[in-house]
Amino acid sequence: MLARIVLVVLLLGTFGCSSATYIRAKVTDNPLERVAQQAQEDWSVTRVDANTLQLSDAWPIHSVLALGYSTSHANLFYDAAGSALYIQYFFQSKQLPLLFMSFYIDAEPGFAGGALKPIMNGQIDQILRWSGASVISRRAGEKSELFPSNGNASPPPN
């Protein structure tokens, strides 16, 4: 009986929690070097290539309170041909009550992660400010979507 209750809690706790925010923004030039310089104070920065940047930011207080590990991720891709910046942003958490199974939350309005979303959107706004980008489109989607979704797709990092 206890095993069934745990299974139900796990399924309810992770249902629908594998989403990310996808942003397409207009830029005048490749902003990734500026973003990397600004982000290095608070974020872990990985420069994949000249047009791809990965940012990660640990959330220590949330990690302790959630009995696990929580971090936000922003994957940026600059498309020179379209003068566009593509951003995939998500919050990832692994918690003891969920047996350290990862779940992912987007920054869009909704119930899941509601109290975290103002902070998440603040991080997105900061990245957009650093890049000098103006948002063309923004949506929630599955974290497993190919990124960017403009045909130059590559699998998202884990």
N, C-alpha and C. Protein backbone atom coordinates (compact mmCIF):
# COMPACT_ATOMS: atom_id res chain seq x y z
N MET A 1 0.82 -1.20 0.00
CA MET A 1 0.00 0.00 0.00
C MET A 1 0.86 1.26 0.00
N LEU A 2 1.91 1.27 0.81
CA LEU A 2 2.80 2.43 0.88
C LEU A 2 3.48 2.67 -0.46
N ALA A 3 3.85 1.60 -1.14
CA ALA A 3 4.49 1.73 -2.44
C ALA A 3 3.56 2.40 -3.45
N ARG A 4 2.27 2.08 -3.39
CA ARG A 4 1.29 2.69 -4.30
C ARG A 4 1.14 4.17 -4.01
N ILE A 5 1.12 4.54 -2.74
CA ILE A 5 0.99 5.94 -2.36
C ILE A 5 2.20 6.73 -2.85
N VAL A 6 3.39 6.16 -2.65
CA VAL A 6 4.62 6.82 -3.11
C VAL A 6 4.59 6.99 -4.63
N LEU A 7 4.16 5.97 -5.35
CA LEU A 7 4.08 6.04 -6.81
C LEU A 7 3.10 7.13 -7.25
N VAL A 8 1.95 7.22 -6.62
CA VAL A 8 0.97 8.25 -6.96
C VAL A 8 1.54 9.64 -6.69
N VAL A 9 2.21 9.82 -5.56
CA VAL A 9 2.82 11.11 -5.23
C VAL A 9 3.87 11.48 -6.26
N LEU A 10 4.70 10.51 -6.64
CA LEU A 10 5.73 10.77 -7.65
C LEU A 10 5.11 11.17 -8.98
N LEU A 11 4.08 10.44 -9.41
CA LEU A 11 3.44 10.74 -10.68
C LEU A 11 2.76 12.10 -10.66
N LEU A 12 2.08 12.42 -9.58
CA LEU A 12 1.43 13.73 -9.47
C LEU A 12 2.47 14.84 -9.38
N GLY A 13 3.54 14.59 -8.70
CA GLY A 13 4.57 15.61 -8.51
C GLY A 13 5.35 15.92 -9.76
N THR A 14 5.44 14.98 -10.69
CA THR A 14 6.24 15.22 -11.89
C THR A 14 5.39 15.36 -13.15
N PHE A 15 4.09 15.16 -13.06
CA PHE A 15 3.23 15.25 -14.23
C PHE A 15 3.27 16.67 -14.80
N GLY A 16 3.58 16.79 -16.07
CA GLY A 16 3.57 18.08 -16.73
C GLY A 16 4.74 18.97 -16.37
N CYS A 17 5.73 18.44 -15.69
CA CYS A 17 6.84 19.26 -15.23
C CYS A 17 8.11 18.96 -16.02
N SER A 18 8.02 19.06 -17.30
CA SER A 18 9.21 18.88 -18.13
C SER A 18 9.25 19.95 -19.20
N SER A 19 8.90 21.18 -18.81
CA SER A 19 8.77 22.23 -19.80
C SER A 19 9.88 23.28 -19.68
N ALA A 20 10.02 24.04 -20.75
CA ALA A 20 11.01 25.11 -20.83
C ALA A 20 10.37 26.30 -21.53
N THR A 21 10.95 27.47 -21.32
CA THR A 21 10.54 28.68 -22.01
C THR A 21 11.43 28.85 -23.24
N TYR A 22 10.82 29.12 -24.37
CA TYR A 22 11.55 29.35 -25.61
C TYR A 22 11.31 30.78 -26.07
N ILE A 23 12.40 31.50 -26.30
CA ILE A 23 12.33 32.90 -26.70
C ILE A 23 13.10 33.09 -28.00
N ARG A 24 12.53 33.85 -28.91
CA ARG A 24 13.23 34.29 -30.11
C ARG A 24 13.26 35.80 -30.04
N ALA A 25 14.46 36.37 -30.15
CA ALA A 25 14.62 37.82 -30.00
C ALA A 25 15.46 38.39 -31.14
N LYS A 26 15.23 39.63 -31.45
CA LYS A 26 15.99 40.35 -32.48
C LYS A 26 17.20 41.00 -31.84
N VAL A 27 18.38 40.84 -32.47
CA VAL A 27 19.61 41.47 -32.01
C VAL A 27 20.31 42.10 -33.21
N THR A 28 21.17 43.08 -32.94
CA THR A 28 21.89 43.74 -34.03
C THR A 28 23.21 43.05 -34.35
N ASP A 29 23.78 42.37 -33.36
CA ASP A 29 25.04 41.66 -33.55
C ASP A 29 25.09 40.49 -32.57
N ASN A 30 26.14 39.71 -32.63
CA ASN A 30 26.29 38.54 -31.75
C ASN A 30 26.53 39.03 -30.31
N PRO A 31 25.56 38.82 -29.41
CA PRO A 31 25.68 39.34 -28.05
C PRO A 31 26.31 38.35 -27.06
N LEU A 32 26.71 37.17 -27.52
CA LEU A 32 27.10 36.11 -26.59
C LEU A 32 28.34 36.47 -25.76
N GLU A 33 29.28 37.19 -26.32
CA GLU A 33 30.46 37.58 -25.53
C GLU A 33 30.07 38.54 -24.41
N ARG A 34 29.19 39.50 -24.71
CA ARG A 34 28.70 40.43 -23.67
C ARG A 34 27.96 39.69 -22.58
N VAL A 35 27.09 38.77 -23.00
CA VAL A 35 26.32 38.00 -22.02
C VAL A 35 27.25 37.16 -21.15
N ALA A 36 28.22 36.51 -21.76
CA ALA A 36 29.17 35.67 -21.01
C ALA A 36 29.93 36.50 -19.99
N GLN A 37 30.37 37.71 -20.37
CA GLN A 37 31.11 38.56 -19.44
C GLN A 37 30.24 39.01 -18.28
N GLN A 38 29.00 39.41 -18.57
CA GLN A 38 28.08 39.87 -17.52
C GLN A 38 27.66 38.72 -16.60
N ALA A 39 27.44 37.56 -17.20
CA ALA A 39 26.90 36.42 -16.45
C ALA A 39 27.93 35.75 -15.54
N GLN A 40 29.22 35.88 -15.85
CA GLN A 40 30.23 35.10 -15.13
C GLN A 40 30.27 35.38 -13.64
N GLU A 41 29.72 36.50 -13.20
CA GLU A 41 29.72 36.80 -11.76
C GLU A 41 28.75 35.90 -10.98
N ASP A 42 27.60 35.60 -11.58
CA ASP A 42 26.58 34.83 -10.86
C ASP A 42 26.26 33.47 -11.49
N TRP A 43 26.62 33.27 -12.72
CA TRP A 43 26.27 32.06 -13.45
C TRP A 43 27.51 31.25 -13.77
N SER A 44 27.32 29.96 -13.98
CA SER A 44 28.36 29.12 -14.56
C SER A 44 28.21 29.25 -16.08
N VAL A 45 29.28 29.64 -16.76
CA VAL A 45 29.22 29.95 -18.18
C VAL A 45 30.03 28.93 -18.97
N THR A 46 29.39 28.35 -20.01
CA THR A 46 30.08 27.42 -20.91
C THR A 46 29.89 27.93 -22.33
N ARG A 47 30.99 28.25 -22.97
CA ARG A 47 30.95 28.70 -24.37
C ARG A 47 31.14 27.47 -25.25
N VAL A 48 30.08 27.04 -25.89
CA VAL A 48 30.11 25.84 -26.72
C VAL A 48 30.83 26.11 -28.03
N ASP A 49 30.46 27.20 -28.68
CA ASP A 49 31.12 27.66 -29.91
C ASP A 49 30.81 29.15 -30.05
N ALA A 50 31.18 29.73 -31.19
CA ALA A 50 31.02 31.17 -31.39
C ALA A 50 29.56 31.62 -31.33
N ASN A 51 28.64 30.71 -31.59
CA ASN A 51 27.22 31.07 -31.63
C ASN A 51 26.37 30.40 -30.56
N THR A 52 26.98 29.68 -29.63
CA THR A 52 26.22 28.95 -28.62
C THR A 52 26.82 29.17 -27.24
N LEU A 53 25.97 29.48 -26.28
CA LEU A 53 26.38 29.74 -24.90
C LEU A 53 25.42 29.03 -23.96
N GLN A 54 25.97 28.40 -22.93
CA GLN A 54 25.14 27.75 -21.92
C GLN A 54 25.42 28.39 -20.56
N LEU A 55 24.35 28.77 -19.86
CA LEU A 55 24.45 29.37 -18.54
C LEU A 55 23.71 28.49 -17.53
N SER A 56 24.28 28.35 -16.33
CA SER A 56 23.62 27.62 -15.24
C SER A 56 23.79 28.43 -13.96
N ASP A 57 22.73 28.49 -13.16
CA ASP A 57 22.77 29.24 -11.91
C ASP A 57 22.15 28.38 -10.80
N ALA A 58 22.96 28.00 -9.82
CA ALA A 58 22.47 27.19 -8.70
C ALA A 58 21.61 28.03 -7.77
N TRP A 59 20.62 27.40 -7.17
CA TRP A 59 19.73 28.05 -6.23
C TRP A 59 19.96 27.40 -4.86
N PRO A 60 20.95 27.82 -4.08
CA PRO A 60 21.30 27.13 -2.83
C PRO A 60 20.20 27.13 -1.78
N ILE A 61 19.49 28.23 -1.61
CA ILE A 61 18.43 28.27 -0.58
C ILE A 61 17.30 27.33 -0.96
N HIS A 62 16.88 27.36 -2.21
CA HIS A 62 15.82 26.46 -2.66
C HIS A 62 16.28 25.02 -2.55
N SER A 63 17.55 24.77 -2.86
CA SER A 63 18.09 23.40 -2.78
C SER A 63 17.98 22.86 -1.36
N VAL A 64 18.35 23.67 -0.38
CA VAL A 64 18.29 23.23 1.02
C VAL A 64 16.84 23.03 1.45
N LEU A 65 15.98 23.98 1.14
CA LEU A 65 14.58 23.88 1.55
C LEU A 65 13.85 22.73 0.86
N ALA A 66 14.25 22.41 -0.36
CA ALA A 66 13.61 21.34 -1.12
C ALA A 66 14.28 19.98 -0.89
N LEU A 67 15.30 19.95 -0.04
CA LEU A 67 16.03 18.70 0.22
C LEU A 67 16.57 18.10 -1.07
N GLY A 68 17.31 18.91 -1.81
CA GLY A 68 17.84 18.42 -3.07
C GLY A 68 18.76 19.42 -3.71
N TYR A 69 18.68 19.51 -5.04
CA TYR A 69 19.51 20.41 -5.81
C TYR A 69 18.65 21.10 -6.86
N SER A 70 18.74 22.43 -6.92
CA SER A 70 17.96 23.20 -7.87
C SER A 70 18.86 24.17 -8.61
N THR A 71 18.60 24.32 -9.90
CA THR A 71 19.39 25.23 -10.73
C THR A 71 18.56 25.71 -11.92
N SER A 72 18.89 26.88 -12.40
CA SER A 72 18.25 27.36 -13.63
C SER A 72 19.27 27.29 -14.76
N HIS A 73 18.77 27.07 -15.97
CA HIS A 73 19.61 26.92 -17.15
C HIS A 73 19.09 27.84 -18.25
N ALA A 74 20.01 28.48 -18.94
CA ALA A 74 19.67 29.28 -20.11
C ALA A 74 20.63 28.87 -21.22
N ASN A 75 20.09 28.38 -22.30
CA ASN A 75 20.88 28.00 -23.47
C ASN A 75 20.59 29.03 -24.55
N LEU A 76 21.65 29.68 -25.04
CA LEU A 76 21.51 30.75 -26.01
C LEU A 76 22.16 30.35 -27.33
N PHE A 77 21.49 30.67 -28.43
CA PHE A 77 22.03 30.41 -29.76
C PHE A 77 21.83 31.65 -30.61
N TYR A 78 22.91 32.15 -31.20
CA TYR A 78 22.85 33.31 -32.08
C TYR A 78 22.80 32.85 -33.52
N ASP A 79 21.79 33.33 -34.24
CA ASP A 79 21.62 33.04 -35.66
C ASP A 79 22.01 34.28 -36.44
N ALA A 80 23.21 34.29 -37.01
CA ALA A 80 23.73 35.47 -37.72
C ALA A 80 22.89 35.80 -38.95
N ALA A 81 22.44 34.78 -39.68
CA ALA A 81 21.66 35.01 -40.90
C ALA A 81 20.36 35.75 -40.62
N GLY A 82 19.73 35.43 -39.50
CA GLY A 82 18.45 36.06 -39.15
C GLY A 82 18.57 37.15 -38.12
N SER A 83 19.78 37.48 -37.70
CA SER A 83 20.00 38.46 -36.61
C SER A 83 19.08 38.16 -35.43
N ALA A 84 19.06 36.90 -35.05
CA ALA A 84 18.16 36.46 -33.99
C ALA A 84 18.93 35.77 -32.88
N LEU A 85 18.42 35.91 -31.68
CA LEU A 85 18.94 35.20 -30.53
C LEU A 85 17.84 34.27 -30.04
N TYR A 86 18.16 32.99 -29.95
CA TYR A 86 17.22 31.98 -29.46
C TYR A 86 17.64 31.62 -28.04
N ILE A 87 16.67 31.58 -27.14
CA ILE A 87 16.94 31.26 -25.73
C ILE A 87 16.00 30.14 -25.30
N GLN A 88 16.60 29.12 -24.70
CA GLN A 88 15.83 28.07 -24.04
C GLN A 88 16.15 28.24 -22.55
N TYR A 89 15.12 28.45 -21.72
CA TYR A 89 15.32 28.68 -20.29
C TYR A 89 14.44 27.70 -19.52
N PHE A 90 15.01 27.09 -18.46
CA PHE A 90 14.22 26.21 -17.60
C PHE A 90 14.85 26.13 -16.22
N PHE A 91 14.03 25.79 -15.26
CA PHE A 91 14.44 25.54 -13.89
C PHE A 91 14.44 24.04 -13.69
N GLN A 92 15.51 23.50 -13.13
CA GLN A 92 15.63 22.05 -12.90
C GLN A 92 15.79 21.81 -11.41
N SER A 93 15.09 20.82 -10.90
CA SER A 93 15.22 20.47 -9.50
C SER A 93 15.20 18.96 -9.33
N LYS A 94 16.06 18.50 -8.43
CA LYS A 94 16.10 17.10 -8.02
C LYS A 94 15.92 17.12 -6.51
N GLN A 95 14.85 16.47 -6.03
CA GLN A 95 14.52 16.55 -4.61
C GLN A 95 14.36 15.16 -3.99
N LEU A 96 14.76 15.06 -2.73
CA LEU A 96 14.66 13.81 -1.99
C LEU A 96 13.23 13.26 -2.00
N PRO A 97 12.20 14.10 -1.73
CA PRO A 97 10.84 13.53 -1.73
C PRO A 97 10.43 12.91 -3.06
N LEU A 98 11.09 13.30 -4.16
CA LEU A 98 10.79 12.73 -5.47
C LEU A 98 11.87 11.75 -5.90
N LEU A 99 12.62 11.24 -4.92
CA LEU A 99 13.68 10.27 -5.15
C LEU A 99 14.73 10.80 -6.14
N PHE A 100 14.98 12.09 -6.09
CA PHE A 100 15.98 12.79 -6.91
C PHE A 100 15.74 12.66 -8.41
N MET A 101 14.49 12.42 -8.78
CA MET A 101 14.14 12.44 -10.20
C MET A 101 14.06 13.91 -10.62
N SER A 102 14.68 14.26 -11.74
CA SER A 102 14.65 15.63 -12.22
C SER A 102 13.26 16.02 -12.70
N PHE A 103 12.87 17.26 -12.40
CA PHE A 103 11.72 17.84 -13.06
C PHE A 103 12.11 19.25 -13.49
N TYR A 104 11.44 19.73 -14.54
CA TYR A 104 11.79 20.98 -15.19
C TYR A 104 10.55 21.87 -15.24
N ILE A 105 10.77 23.17 -15.00
CA ILE A 105 9.67 24.13 -15.00
C ILE A 105 10.02 25.29 -15.92
N ASP A 106 9.05 25.72 -16.73
CA ASP A 106 9.25 26.90 -17.57
C ASP A 106 8.91 28.15 -16.77
N ALA A 107 9.20 29.30 -17.34
CA ALA A 107 8.96 30.57 -16.65
C ALA A 107 7.63 31.22 -17.03
N GLU A 108 6.81 30.50 -17.79
CA GLU A 108 5.54 31.06 -18.24
C GLU A 108 4.48 30.95 -17.15
N PRO A 109 3.44 31.79 -17.21
CA PRO A 109 2.39 31.73 -16.19
C PRO A 109 1.80 30.33 -16.08
N GLY A 110 1.53 29.92 -14.85
CA GLY A 110 0.95 28.61 -14.61
C GLY A 110 1.13 28.21 -13.16
N PHE A 111 0.54 27.09 -12.80
CA PHE A 111 0.55 26.65 -11.41
C PHE A 111 1.91 26.11 -10.97
N ALA A 112 2.52 25.26 -11.78
CA ALA A 112 3.78 24.61 -11.39
C ALA A 112 4.88 25.64 -11.20
N GLY A 113 5.46 25.66 -10.00
CA GLY A 113 6.57 26.57 -9.71
C GLY A 113 6.16 28.02 -9.59
N GLY A 114 4.90 28.28 -9.31
CA GLY A 114 4.37 29.64 -9.28
C GLY A 114 5.16 30.64 -8.45
N ALA A 115 5.63 30.22 -7.29
CA ALA A 115 6.38 31.14 -6.41
C ALA A 115 7.77 31.43 -6.95
N LEU A 116 8.32 30.56 -7.79
CA LEU A 116 9.66 30.74 -8.35
C LEU A 116 9.65 31.59 -9.61
N LYS A 117 8.52 31.69 -10.27
CA LYS A 117 8.47 32.30 -11.60
C LYS A 117 8.87 33.77 -11.63
N PRO A 118 8.57 34.59 -10.62
CA PRO A 118 9.07 35.97 -10.68
C PRO A 118 10.61 36.04 -10.70
N ILE A 119 11.27 35.17 -9.96
CA ILE A 119 12.74 35.14 -9.96
C ILE A 119 13.23 34.63 -11.31
N MET A 120 12.59 33.61 -11.83
CA MET A 120 12.97 33.05 -13.12
C MET A 120 12.84 34.11 -14.22
N ASN A 121 11.73 34.84 -14.20
CA ASN A 121 11.52 35.88 -15.21
C ASN A 121 12.49 37.03 -15.03
N GLY A 122 12.91 37.28 -13.81
CA GLY A 122 13.95 38.28 -13.56
C GLY A 122 15.27 37.87 -14.20
N GLN A 123 15.59 36.59 -14.13
CA GLN A 123 16.81 36.09 -14.77
C GLN A 123 16.72 36.23 -16.29
N ILE A 124 15.58 35.90 -16.85
CA ILE A 124 15.39 36.04 -18.30
C ILE A 124 15.52 37.51 -18.70
N ASP A 125 14.88 38.40 -17.95
CA ASP A 125 14.96 39.83 -18.26
C ASP A 125 16.41 40.32 -18.21
N GLN A 126 17.17 39.81 -17.25
CA GLN A 126 18.57 40.19 -17.13
C GLN A 126 19.37 39.74 -18.35
N ILE A 127 19.16 38.52 -18.80
CA ILE A 127 19.85 38.00 -19.98
C ILE A 127 19.47 38.82 -21.21
N LEU A 128 18.20 39.16 -21.35
CA LEU A 128 17.75 39.98 -22.49
C LEU A 128 18.38 41.37 -22.44
N ARG A 129 18.49 41.95 -21.25
CA ARG A 129 19.13 43.26 -21.08
C ARG A 129 20.61 43.19 -21.48
N TRP A 130 21.31 42.17 -20.99
CA TRP A 130 22.73 42.00 -21.33
C TRP A 130 22.93 41.87 -22.83
N SER A 131 22.01 41.19 -23.49
CA SER A 131 22.17 40.93 -24.92
C SER A 131 21.67 42.09 -25.79
N GLY A 132 20.91 43.01 -25.21
CA GLY A 132 20.34 44.10 -26.00
C GLY A 132 19.29 43.61 -26.96
N ALA A 133 18.63 42.53 -26.64
CA ALA A 133 17.66 41.89 -27.52
C ALA A 133 16.25 42.41 -27.28
N SER A 134 15.44 42.38 -28.32
CA SER A 134 14.01 42.67 -28.18
C SER A 134 13.24 41.42 -28.57
N VAL A 135 12.34 41.02 -27.72
CA VAL A 135 11.62 39.75 -27.88
C VAL A 135 10.68 39.80 -29.08
N ILE A 136 10.79 38.79 -29.93
CA ILE A 136 9.89 38.62 -31.07
C ILE A 136 8.78 37.64 -30.69
N SER A 137 9.15 36.52 -30.06
CA SER A 137 8.16 35.53 -29.64
C SER A 137 8.64 34.84 -28.37
N ARG A 138 7.67 34.35 -27.62
CA ARG A 138 7.98 33.66 -26.36
C ARG A 138 6.87 32.64 -26.13
N ARG A 139 7.29 31.44 -25.72
CA ARG A 139 6.29 30.39 -25.49
C ARG A 139 6.87 29.33 -24.56
N ALA A 140 5.99 28.53 -24.01
CA ALA A 140 6.39 27.35 -23.24
C ALA A 140 6.37 26.15 -24.18
N GLY A 141 7.27 25.21 -23.94
CA GLY A 141 7.32 23.99 -24.74
C GLY A 141 8.01 22.91 -23.93
N GLU A 142 8.03 21.72 -24.48
CA GLU A 142 8.70 20.62 -23.80
C GLU A 142 10.21 20.85 -23.79
N LYS A 143 10.87 20.53 -22.69
CA LYS A 143 12.31 20.70 -22.57
C LYS A 143 13.04 19.85 -23.61
N SER A 144 12.44 18.75 -24.02
CA SER A 144 13.08 17.83 -24.96
C SER A 144 13.02 18.30 -26.41
N GLU A 145 12.36 19.44 -26.68
CA GLU A 145 12.29 19.94 -28.05
C GLU A 145 13.69 20.21 -28.57
N LEU A 146 13.87 20.05 -29.88
CA LEU A 146 15.14 20.40 -30.49
C LEU A 146 15.33 21.91 -30.37
N PHE A 147 16.54 22.34 -30.10
CA PHE A 147 16.82 23.74 -29.86
C PHE A 147 17.96 24.21 -30.74
N PRO A 148 17.86 25.33 -31.41
CA PRO A 148 16.64 26.13 -31.58
C PRO A 148 15.70 25.47 -32.57
N SER A 149 14.48 25.91 -32.55
CA SER A 149 13.46 25.26 -33.37
C SER A 149 13.35 25.88 -34.76
N ASN A 150 14.42 26.50 -35.24
CA ASN A 150 14.39 27.14 -36.56
C ASN A 150 15.02 26.28 -37.65
N GLY A 151 15.28 25.03 -37.37
CA GLY A 151 15.89 24.16 -38.37
C GLY A 151 17.36 23.88 -38.08
N ASN A 152 18.02 24.75 -37.33
CA ASN A 152 19.42 24.51 -36.93
C ASN A 152 19.43 23.78 -35.60
N ALA A 153 18.65 22.75 -35.52
CA ALA A 153 18.38 22.12 -34.24
C ALA A 153 19.49 21.21 -33.76
N SER A 154 19.66 21.22 -32.48
CA SER A 154 20.53 20.26 -31.80
C SER A 154 19.84 19.89 -30.51
N PRO A 155 20.06 18.70 -29.98
CA PRO A 155 19.38 18.29 -28.76
C PRO A 155 19.77 19.21 -27.60
N PRO A 156 18.82 19.49 -26.71
CA PRO A 156 19.13 20.32 -25.56
C PRO A 156 20.06 19.59 -24.61
N PRO A 157 20.86 20.34 -23.83
CA PRO A 157 21.74 19.67 -22.86
C PRO A 157 20.92 19.09 -21.74
N ASN A 158 21.44 18.08 -21.08
CA ASN A 158 20.73 17.45 -19.95
C ASN A 158 21.00 18.17 -18.67
